[in-house]
Amino acid sequence: MARKVLVVLSCVASFILFNFVGGVRLASSATKSSIQEIEDFGNDYLLIYMERTAGIEGKTDTQVLKDAKLIKLGERYFVRGKGHTYKPYENDVKYKWYNGVDVAFDWKDVIQFSVLSPEQLESYEASMKDEP
């Protein structure tokens, strides 16, 4: 009798372990395959204006992405691309690390965007020199 109980418990434990490991594999592969590309903004630069709020305070931020795409991850949308460091800051240790880094921002925070050619981006960056 004890031997039958041991065999049954062994089978149940094997079943649980097999399903747990299979479930972990399924979850990790689902995460990778659940990223859907919605829109490709091309090889130009994407200038995005974002509004972020914390409590009652809001902040507008700008980012420039190279090779940007709108993706869907689960039920949320993100704009994903390679980070771009503005020319005035490209040699600044504080900012140059960001150049070429794969980044994504929540699309719900984007309030405006523009697709810029390299020449248009250069004009935009030149206009920033006048800002304090």
Foldseek 3Di string as FASTA:
>chain_A
DVVVVVVVVVVVVVVVVVVVVVVVVVVVVCQVVQKAFDFWLPQFKKKFWFWDDDVHDIDIDIFIFGRWTWIDGPNFIKIWHQGCDQPVCCPPPVTVVRGGDIDIDTPVGTPDMDTDHPVRSVVVSVVCVPPD
